[in-house]
Amino acid sequence: MPRGPVKALIWAAGAAAAAATVSPAQAVTGQQLLRQCEALERGATVSGETVRLPKGQDAASCWVYMAAVQDFAATVEEEGGPSLIGSCVPSETTRLEIVRAFTKYARAHPDDLDLRASALLVPALLRAFPCPDR
């Protein structure tokens, strides 16, 4: 199974595929994804396990992008080990929690917002969902 930089490359390829639903010509920047996810945070309503998205493309774009992130975050090489992107996101983590982890990290690192969104997502998830020492 791939390790280190190869894992990051695999993850980035998947994130780029997800980003294609948002912008077919170029990768989504951290600034763009932050704007989209802030729209989601402002307008999403939660009732039990149901999340109602606000109207508008920004919130929907964040939701779709984060679906791919959530899938990669759940993909592990071995049971109980880190995900392919290196973090240990618990299986019960909601997509909104992943969105909040990203927006918190992105707001704290404004100098990095011109980078690809995936360059902020990986460290955001590592910080929010670190792996326990084995």
C-alpha atoms as a PDB file:
ATOM      1  CA  MET A   1       0.000   0.000   0.000  1.00  0.00           C
ATOM      2  CA  PRO A   2       1.309   3.511  -0.759  1.00  0.00           C
ATOM      3  CA  ARG A   3       2.957   5.561   1.967  1.00  0.00           C
ATOM      4  CA  GLY A   4       3.981   9.168   2.620  1.00  0.00           C
ATOM      5  CA  PRO A   5       4.057  11.400  -0.446  1.00  0.00           C
ATOM      6  CA  VAL A   6       2.290   8.769  -2.546  1.00  0.00           C
ATOM      7  CA  LYS A   7      -0.658   8.840  -0.115  1.00  0.00           C
ATOM      8  CA  ALA A   8      -0.824  12.603  -0.390  1.00  0.00           C
ATOM      9  CA  LEU A   9      -0.724  12.360  -4.186  1.00  0.00           C
ATOM     10  CA  ILE A  10      -3.557   9.821  -4.209  1.00  0.00           C
ATOM     11  CA  TRP A  11      -5.584  12.019  -1.875  1.00  0.00           C
ATOM     12  CA  ALA A  12      -4.887  15.128  -3.953  1.00  0.00           C
ATOM     13  CA  ALA A  13      -6.015  13.329  -7.115  1.00  0.00           C
ATOM     14  CA  GLY A  14      -9.289  12.413  -5.436  1.00  0.00           C
ATOM     15  CA  ALA A  15      -9.757  15.924  -4.103  1.00  0.00           C
ATOM     16  CA  ALA A  16      -9.069  17.296  -7.574  1.00  0.00           C
ATOM     17  CA  ALA A  17     -11.742  14.991  -8.982  1.00  0.00           C
ATOM     18  CA  ALA A  18     -14.179  16.300  -6.391  1.00  0.00           C
ATOM     19  CA  ALA A  19     -13.150  19.851  -7.172  1.00  0.00           C
ATOM     20  CA  ALA A  20     -13.970  19.240 -10.802  1.00  0.00           C
ATOM     21  CA  THR A  21     -17.631  19.334  -9.863  1.00  0.00           C
ATOM     22  CA  VAL A  22     -17.027  22.872  -8.607  1.00  0.00           C
ATOM     23  CA  SER A  23     -14.679  24.278 -11.233  1.00  0.00           C
ATOM     24  CA  PRO A  24     -13.801  22.145 -14.248  1.00  0.00           C
ATOM     25  CA  ALA A  25     -10.925  24.358 -15.424  1.00  0.00           C
ATOM     26  CA  GLN A  26      -8.864  24.746 -12.250  1.00  0.00           C
ATOM     27  CA  ALA A  27      -8.351  23.471  -8.743  1.00  0.00           C
ATOM     28  CA  VAL A  28     -10.274  25.057  -5.893  1.00  0.00           C
ATOM     29  CA  THR A  29      -8.173  27.358  -3.729  1.00  0.00           C
ATOM     30  CA  GLY A  30      -8.356  27.495   0.025  1.00  0.00           C
ATOM     31  CA  GLN A  31     -10.022  30.913  -0.259  1.00  0.00           C
ATOM     32  CA  GLN A  32     -12.726  29.581  -2.583  1.00  0.00           C
ATOM     33  CA  LEU A  33     -13.461  26.562  -0.409  1.00  0.00           C
ATOM     34  CA  LEU A  34     -13.477  28.708   2.727  1.00  0.00           C
ATOM     35  CA  ARG A  35     -16.054  31.041   1.135  1.00  0.00           C
ATOM     36  CA  GLN A  36     -18.166  28.073   0.071  1.00  0.00           C
ATOM     37  CA  CYS A  37     -17.961  26.392   3.464  1.00  0.00           C
ATOM     38  CA  GLU A  38     -18.720  29.598   5.337  1.00  0.00           C
ATOM     39  CA  ALA A  39     -21.930  29.825   3.304  1.00  0.00           C
ATOM     40  CA  LEU A  40     -22.701  26.265   4.382  1.00  0.00           C
ATOM     41  CA  GLU A  41     -21.952  26.999   8.036  1.00  0.00           C
ATOM     42  CA  ARG A  42     -24.125  30.140   8.006  1.00  0.00           C
ATOM     43  CA  GLY A  43     -27.168  28.495   6.492  1.00  0.00           C
ATOM     44  CA  ALA A  44     -27.149  24.763   7.210  1.00  0.00           C
ATOM     45  CA  THR A  45     -29.764  23.461   9.606  1.00  0.00           C
ATOM     46  CA  VAL A  46     -29.476  20.126  11.358  1.00  0.00           C
ATOM     47  CA  SER A  47     -32.394  18.027  12.541  1.00  0.00           C
ATOM     48  CA  GLY A  48     -31.295  14.682  13.926  1.00  0.00           C
ATOM     49  CA  GLU A  49     -29.171  13.098  11.208  1.00  0.00           C
ATOM     50  CA  THR A  50     -30.618  15.303   8.469  1.00  0.00           C
ATOM     51  CA  VAL A  51     -28.709  18.338   7.235  1.00  0.00           C
ATOM     52  CA  ARG A  52     -30.651  20.884   5.206  1.00  0.00           C
ATOM     53  CA  LEU A  53     -28.370  22.935   2.980  1.00  0.00           C
ATOM     54  CA  PRO A  54     -28.992  26.616   2.340  1.00  0.00           C
ATOM     55  CA  LYS A  55     -29.874  27.669  -1.181  1.00  0.00           C
ATOM     56  CA  GLY A  56     -27.021  28.603  -3.435  1.00  0.00           C
ATOM     57  CA  GLN A  57     -24.131  26.938  -5.186  1.00  0.00           C
ATOM     58  CA  ASP A  58     -21.455  27.835  -2.618  1.00  0.00           C
ATOM     59  CA  ALA A  59     -22.920  25.711   0.177  1.00  0.00           C
ATOM     60  CA  ALA A  60     -23.631  22.833  -2.204  1.00  0.00           C
ATOM     61  CA  SER A  61     -20.091  22.996  -3.607  1.00  0.00           C
ATOM     62  CA  CYS A  62     -18.594  22.768  -0.128  1.00  0.00           C
ATOM     63  CA  TRP A  63     -20.905  19.868   0.741  1.00  0.00           C
ATOM     64  CA  VAL A  64     -19.922  17.886  -2.365  1.00  0.00           C
ATOM     65  CA  TYR A  65     -16.208  18.611  -1.934  1.00  0.00           C
ATOM     66  CA  MET A  66     -16.329  17.545   1.696  1.00  0.00           C
ATOM     67  CA  ALA A  67     -18.128  14.308   0.751  1.00  0.00           C
ATOM     68  CA  ALA A  68     -14.972  13.274  -1.111  1.00  0.00           C
ATOM     69  CA  VAL A  69     -12.809  14.391   1.810  1.00  0.00           C
ATOM     70  CA  GLN A  70     -14.981  12.391   4.219  1.00  0.00           C
ATOM     71  CA  ASP A  71     -14.606   9.316   2.009  1.00  0.00           C
ATOM     72  CA  PHE A  72     -10.814   9.646   1.873  1.00  0.00           C
ATOM     73  CA  ALA A  73     -10.672  10.317   5.605  1.00  0.00           C
ATOM     74  CA  ALA A  74     -12.427   6.990   6.173  1.00  0.00           C
ATOM     75  CA  THR A  75     -10.103   5.027   3.867  1.00  0.00           C
ATOM     76  CA  VAL A  76      -7.463   3.248   5.911  1.00  0.00           C
ATOM     77  CA  GLU A  77      -4.726   0.771   5.094  1.00  0.00           C
ATOM     78  CA  GLU A  78      -5.408  -1.261   8.205  1.00  0.00           C
ATOM     79  CA  GLU A  79      -8.244  -1.261  10.731  1.00  0.00           C
ATOM     80  CA  GLY A  80      -7.610   1.317  13.438  1.00  0.00           C
ATOM     81  CA  GLY A  81      -4.756   2.920  11.525  1.00  0.00           C
ATOM     82  CA  PRO A  82      -4.483   6.365  10.002  1.00  0.00           C
ATOM     83  CA  SER A  83      -6.381   7.265   6.856  1.00  0.00           C
ATOM     84  CA  LEU A  84      -4.701   7.586   3.492  1.00  0.00           C
ATOM     85  CA  ILE A  85      -4.289  11.291   4.256  1.00  0.00           C
ATOM     86  CA  GLY A  86      -2.658  10.604   7.625  1.00  0.00           C
ATOM     87  CA  SER A  87      -5.370  11.675  10.062  1.00  0.00           C
ATOM     88  CA  CYS A  88      -7.525   9.494  12.307  1.00  0.00           C
ATOM     89  CA  VAL A  89     -11.036  10.814  11.782  1.00  0.00           C
ATOM     90  CA  PRO A  90     -13.417   8.747  13.934  1.00  0.00           C
ATOM     91  CA  SER A  91     -16.073   6.897  11.951  1.00  0.00           C
ATOM     92  CA  GLU A  92     -18.854   8.771  13.761  1.00  0.00           C
ATOM     93  CA  THR A  93     -17.508  12.166  12.636  1.00  0.00           C
ATOM     94  CA  THR A  94     -20.070  14.112  10.640  1.00  0.00           C
ATOM     95  CA  ARG A  95     -19.383  15.948   7.435  1.00  0.00           C
ATOM     96  CA  LEU A  96     -20.219  19.220   9.199  1.00  0.00           C
ATOM     97  CA  GLU A  97     -17.482  18.484  11.751  1.00  0.00           C
ATOM     98  CA  ILE A  98     -15.039  18.054   8.873  1.00  0.00           C
ATOM     99  CA  VAL A  99     -16.253  21.342   7.387  1.00  0.00           C
ATOM    100  CA  ARG A 100     -15.736  23.074  10.743  1.00  0.00           C
ATOM    101  CA  ALA A 101     -12.238  21.595  11.094  1.00  0.00           C
ATOM    102  CA  PHE A 102     -11.360  23.028   7.685  1.00  0.00           C
ATOM    103  CA  THR A 103     -12.867  26.476   8.251  1.00  0.00           C
ATOM    104  CA  LYS A 104     -11.222  26.807  11.659  1.00  0.00           C
ATOM    105  CA  TYR A 105      -7.826  25.912  10.203  1.00  0.00           C
ATOM    106  CA  ALA A 106      -8.277  28.090   7.110  1.00  0.00           C
ATOM    107  CA  ARG A 107      -9.225  31.146   9.183  1.00  0.00           C
ATOM    108  CA  ALA A 108      -6.159  30.602  11.369  1.00  0.00           C
ATOM    109  CA  HIS A 109      -3.880  30.401   8.295  1.00  0.00           C
ATOM    110  CA  PRO A 110      -4.939  33.278   6.026  1.00  0.00           C
ATOM    111  CA  ASP A 111      -1.525  33.415   4.318  1.00  0.00           C
ATOM    112  CA  ASP A 112      -2.159  29.916   2.907  1.00  0.00           C
ATOM    113  CA  LEU A 113      -5.569  30.615   1.370  1.00  0.00           C
ATOM    114  CA  ASP A 114      -4.135  31.046  -2.127  1.00  0.00           C
ATOM    115  CA  LEU A 115      -2.953  27.418  -2.077  1.00  0.00           C
ATOM    116  CA  ARG A 116      -5.055  24.520  -3.318  1.00  0.00           C
ATOM    117  CA  ALA A 117      -7.784  23.646  -0.848  1.00  0.00           C
ATOM    118  CA  SER A 118      -6.282  20.186  -0.380  1.00  0.00           C
ATOM    119  CA  ALA A 119      -3.081  21.802   0.939  1.00  0.00           C
ATOM    120  CA  LEU A 120      -5.129  23.196   3.826  1.00  0.00           C
ATOM    121  CA  LEU A 121      -7.407  20.209   4.305  1.00  0.00           C
ATOM    122  CA  VAL A 122      -4.678  17.702   5.080  1.00  0.00           C
ATOM    123  CA  PRO A 123      -3.146  19.697   7.971  1.00  0.00           C
ATOM    124  CA  ALA A 124      -6.627  20.770   9.132  1.00  0.00           C
ATOM    125  CA  LEU A 125      -7.668  17.153   9.555  1.00  0.00           C
ATOM    126  CA  LEU A 126      -4.333  16.204  11.105  1.00  0.00           C
ATOM    127  CA  ARG A 127      -4.797  18.939  13.709  1.00  0.00           C
ATOM    128  CA  ALA A 128      -8.477  18.264  14.390  1.00  0.00           C
ATOM    129  CA  PHE A 129      -8.221  14.470  14.323  1.00  0.00           C
ATOM    130  CA  PRO A 130      -4.704  13.413  15.320  1.00  0.00           C
ATOM    131  CA  CYS A 131      -3.866   9.760  15.517  1.00  0.00           C
ATOM    132  CA  PRO A 132      -3.204   8.312  18.962  1.00  0.00           C
ATOM    133  CA  ASP A 133       0.316   7.151  19.629  1.00  0.00           C
ATOM    134  CA  ARG A 134       0.537   3.446  18.939  1.00  0.00           C
END
